[in-house]
Amino acid sequence: MKKLALVCQRNAKLPFIFEAAKAANIELVMIYDIAENAPIQLPAAVTSTWQLPVFDHPDLALDVFAAGVKERNIGGVMTLCEEAIIWTALAAKKNQYSQY
């Protein structure tokens, strides 16, 4: 099963994201900034959450993410949150998810 990190997805009410992941047999790890709360009930396909200081300490968050990727078996990272696009791109680059 593939596992992807979904960064700062604040709205769990976009069911198509979670339904599509479940249909494609993809597990999602939802990454939240430390100032945010993870939902009590996780949407379909979400197997865990991870709180990182994405906005307050982005470099630290990148290092912690890179250190935990193998342990958590995360094969990619994505976001729909505009404020998290740069951090997500840096996380992908640091973990060599993008071969461009």
C-alpha atoms as a PDB file:
ATOM      1  CA  MET A   1       0.000   0.000   0.000  1.00  0.00           C
ATOM      2  CA  LYS A   2       1.263   3.475  -0.851  1.00  0.00           C
ATOM      3  CA  LYS A   3       1.396   6.133   1.834  1.00  0.00           C
ATOM      4  CA  LEU A   4       1.304   9.886   1.184  1.00  0.00           C
ATOM      5  CA  ALA A   5       1.599  12.855   3.512  1.00  0.00           C
ATOM      6  CA  LEU A   6      -1.168  15.452   3.129  1.00  0.00           C
ATOM      7  CA  VAL A   7       0.082  18.777   4.516  1.00  0.00           C
ATOM      8  CA  CYS A   8      -2.158  21.231   6.401  1.00  0.00           C
ATOM      9  CA  GLN A   9      -5.453  20.004   4.999  1.00  0.00           C
ATOM     10  CA  ARG A  10      -7.716  22.025   7.267  1.00  0.00           C
ATOM     11  CA  ASN A  11     -10.989  20.934   5.779  1.00  0.00           C
ATOM     12  CA  ALA A  12     -11.840  17.270   6.174  1.00  0.00           C
ATOM     13  CA  LYS A  13     -15.074  18.033   4.330  1.00  0.00           C
ATOM     14  CA  LEU A  14     -13.578  17.436   0.889  1.00  0.00           C
ATOM     15  CA  PRO A  15     -14.646  13.818   0.738  1.00  0.00           C
ATOM     16  CA  PHE A  16     -13.482  13.246  -2.830  1.00  0.00           C
ATOM     17  CA  ILE A  17      -9.832  13.517  -1.730  1.00  0.00           C
ATOM     18  CA  PHE A  18     -10.220  10.862   0.910  1.00  0.00           C
ATOM     19  CA  GLU A  19     -12.538   8.653  -1.131  1.00  0.00           C
ATOM     20  CA  ALA A  20     -10.147   8.737  -4.106  1.00  0.00           C
ATOM     21  CA  ALA A  21      -7.207   7.812  -1.876  1.00  0.00           C
ATOM     22  CA  LYS A  22      -9.152   4.941  -0.358  1.00  0.00           C
ATOM     23  CA  ALA A  23     -10.250   3.686  -3.796  1.00  0.00           C
ATOM     24  CA  ALA A  24      -6.629   3.813  -4.993  1.00  0.00           C
ATOM     25  CA  ASN A  25      -5.459   1.916  -1.897  1.00  0.00           C
ATOM     26  CA  ILE A  26      -3.422   4.904  -0.663  1.00  0.00           C
ATOM     27  CA  GLU A  27      -2.968   5.625   3.028  1.00  0.00           C
ATOM     28  CA  LEU A  28      -2.818   9.280   4.032  1.00  0.00           C
ATOM     29  CA  VAL A  29      -0.817  10.774   6.878  1.00  0.00           C
ATOM     30  CA  MET A  30      -2.283  14.192   7.670  1.00  0.00           C
ATOM     31  CA  ILE A  31       0.356  16.704   8.718  1.00  0.00           C
ATOM     32  CA  TYR A  32      -0.839  19.586  10.870  1.00  0.00           C
ATOM     33  CA  ASP A  33       0.989  22.667  12.061  1.00  0.00           C
ATOM     34  CA  ILE A  34       1.547  22.661  15.816  1.00  0.00           C
ATOM     35  CA  ALA A  35      -0.958  25.521  16.183  1.00  0.00           C
ATOM     36  CA  GLU A  36      -3.727  23.407  14.613  1.00  0.00           C
ATOM     37  CA  ASN A  37      -5.776  20.534  15.947  1.00  0.00           C
ATOM     38  CA  ALA A  38      -6.207  17.255  14.141  1.00  0.00           C
ATOM     39  CA  PRO A  39      -9.815  16.151  13.707  1.00  0.00           C
ATOM     40  CA  ILE A  40     -11.107  13.769  16.345  1.00  0.00           C
ATOM     41  CA  GLN A  41     -12.587  11.493  13.717  1.00  0.00           C
ATOM     42  CA  LEU A  42     -10.201  10.856  10.836  1.00  0.00           C
ATOM     43  CA  PRO A  43     -11.553  10.820   7.278  1.00  0.00           C
ATOM     44  CA  ALA A  44     -11.416   7.683   5.127  1.00  0.00           C
ATOM     45  CA  ALA A  45      -7.899   6.619   4.072  1.00  0.00           C
ATOM     46  CA  VAL A  46      -6.238   8.661   6.856  1.00  0.00           C
ATOM     47  CA  THR A  47      -4.249   6.267   9.019  1.00  0.00           C
ATOM     48  CA  SER A  48      -2.412   8.772  11.215  1.00  0.00           C
ATOM     49  CA  THR A  49      -1.665  12.417  11.920  1.00  0.00           C
ATOM     50  CA  TRP A  50       1.632  14.185  12.538  1.00  0.00           C
ATOM     51  CA  GLN A  51       2.065  17.645  14.034  1.00  0.00           C
ATOM     52  CA  LEU A  52       5.057  19.659  12.835  1.00  0.00           C
ATOM     53  CA  PRO A  53       5.958  23.365  13.179  1.00  0.00           C
ATOM     54  CA  VAL A  54       5.382  23.948   9.449  1.00  0.00           C
ATOM     55  CA  PHE A  55       4.753  27.695   9.747  1.00  0.00           C
ATOM     56  CA  ASP A  56       6.598  28.794  12.911  1.00  0.00           C
ATOM     57  CA  HIS A  57       9.776  26.761  12.368  1.00  0.00           C
ATOM     58  CA  PRO A  58       9.718  25.458   8.784  1.00  0.00           C
ATOM     59  CA  ASP A  59      13.388  24.393   8.707  1.00  0.00           C
ATOM     60  CA  LEU A  60      12.951  22.339  11.868  1.00  0.00           C
ATOM     61  CA  ALA A  61       9.748  20.841  10.447  1.00  0.00           C
ATOM     62  CA  LEU A  62      11.619  19.873   7.260  1.00  0.00           C
ATOM     63  CA  ASP A  63      14.359  18.160   9.275  1.00  0.00           C
ATOM     64  CA  VAL A  64      11.871  16.289  11.473  1.00  0.00           C
ATOM     65  CA  PHE A  65       9.847  15.281   8.409  1.00  0.00           C
ATOM     66  CA  ALA A  66      12.960  14.030   6.596  1.00  0.00           C
ATOM     67  CA  ALA A  67      14.023  12.040   9.658  1.00  0.00           C
ATOM     68  CA  GLY A  68      10.602  10.409  10.026  1.00  0.00           C
ATOM     69  CA  VAL A  69       9.786   9.628   6.396  1.00  0.00           C
ATOM     70  CA  LYS A  70      11.446   6.205   6.308  1.00  0.00           C
ATOM     71  CA  GLU A  71      10.149   5.199   9.733  1.00  0.00           C
ATOM     72  CA  ARG A  72       6.609   6.124   8.693  1.00  0.00           C
ATOM     73  CA  ASN A  73       7.064   4.662   5.185  1.00  0.00           C
ATOM     74  CA  ILE A  74       5.872   7.857   3.458  1.00  0.00           C
ATOM     75  CA  GLY A  75       6.340   7.739  -0.299  1.00  0.00           C
ATOM     76  CA  GLY A  76       5.266  11.260  -1.228  1.00  0.00           C
ATOM     77  CA  VAL A  77       3.986  14.583   0.033  1.00  0.00           C
ATOM     78  CA  MET A  78       1.241  16.885  -1.247  1.00  0.00           C
ATOM     79  CA  THR A  79      -0.935  19.799  -0.193  1.00  0.00           C
ATOM     80  CA  LEU A  80      -4.021  21.716  -1.214  1.00  0.00           C
ATOM     81  CA  CYS A  81      -3.249  24.472   1.297  1.00  0.00           C
ATOM     82  CA  GLU A  82      -1.862  27.553  -0.436  1.00  0.00           C
ATOM     83  CA  GLU A  83       0.220  28.651   2.575  1.00  0.00           C
ATOM     84  CA  ALA A  84       1.921  25.245   2.711  1.00  0.00           C
ATOM     85  CA  ILE A  85       2.895  24.956  -0.973  1.00  0.00           C
ATOM     86  CA  ILE A  86       6.486  26.149  -0.548  1.00  0.00           C
ATOM     87  CA  TRP A  87       7.084  23.984   2.527  1.00  0.00           C
ATOM     88  CA  THR A  88       5.599  20.969   0.729  1.00  0.00           C
ATOM     89  CA  ALA A  89       7.794  21.556  -2.331  1.00  0.00           C
ATOM     90  CA  LEU A  90      10.872  21.802  -0.108  1.00  0.00           C
ATOM     91  CA  ALA A  91       9.863  18.608   1.711  1.00  0.00           C
ATOM     92  CA  ALA A  92       9.477  16.811  -1.626  1.00  0.00           C
ATOM     93  CA  LYS A  93      12.848  18.078  -2.826  1.00  0.00           C
ATOM     94  CA  LYS A  94      14.624  17.226   0.430  1.00  0.00           C
ATOM     95  CA  ASN A  95      13.242  13.694   0.338  1.00  0.00           C
ATOM     96  CA  GLN A  96      13.901  13.350  -3.402  1.00  0.00           C
ATOM     97  CA  TYR A  97      10.275  12.664  -4.262  1.00  0.00           C
ATOM     98  CA  SER A  98      10.686  14.847  -7.331  1.00  0.00           C
ATOM     99  CA  GLN A  99      13.212  13.678  -9.888  1.00  0.00           C
ATOM    100  CA  TYR A 100      12.984  16.807 -12.065  1.00  0.00           C
END
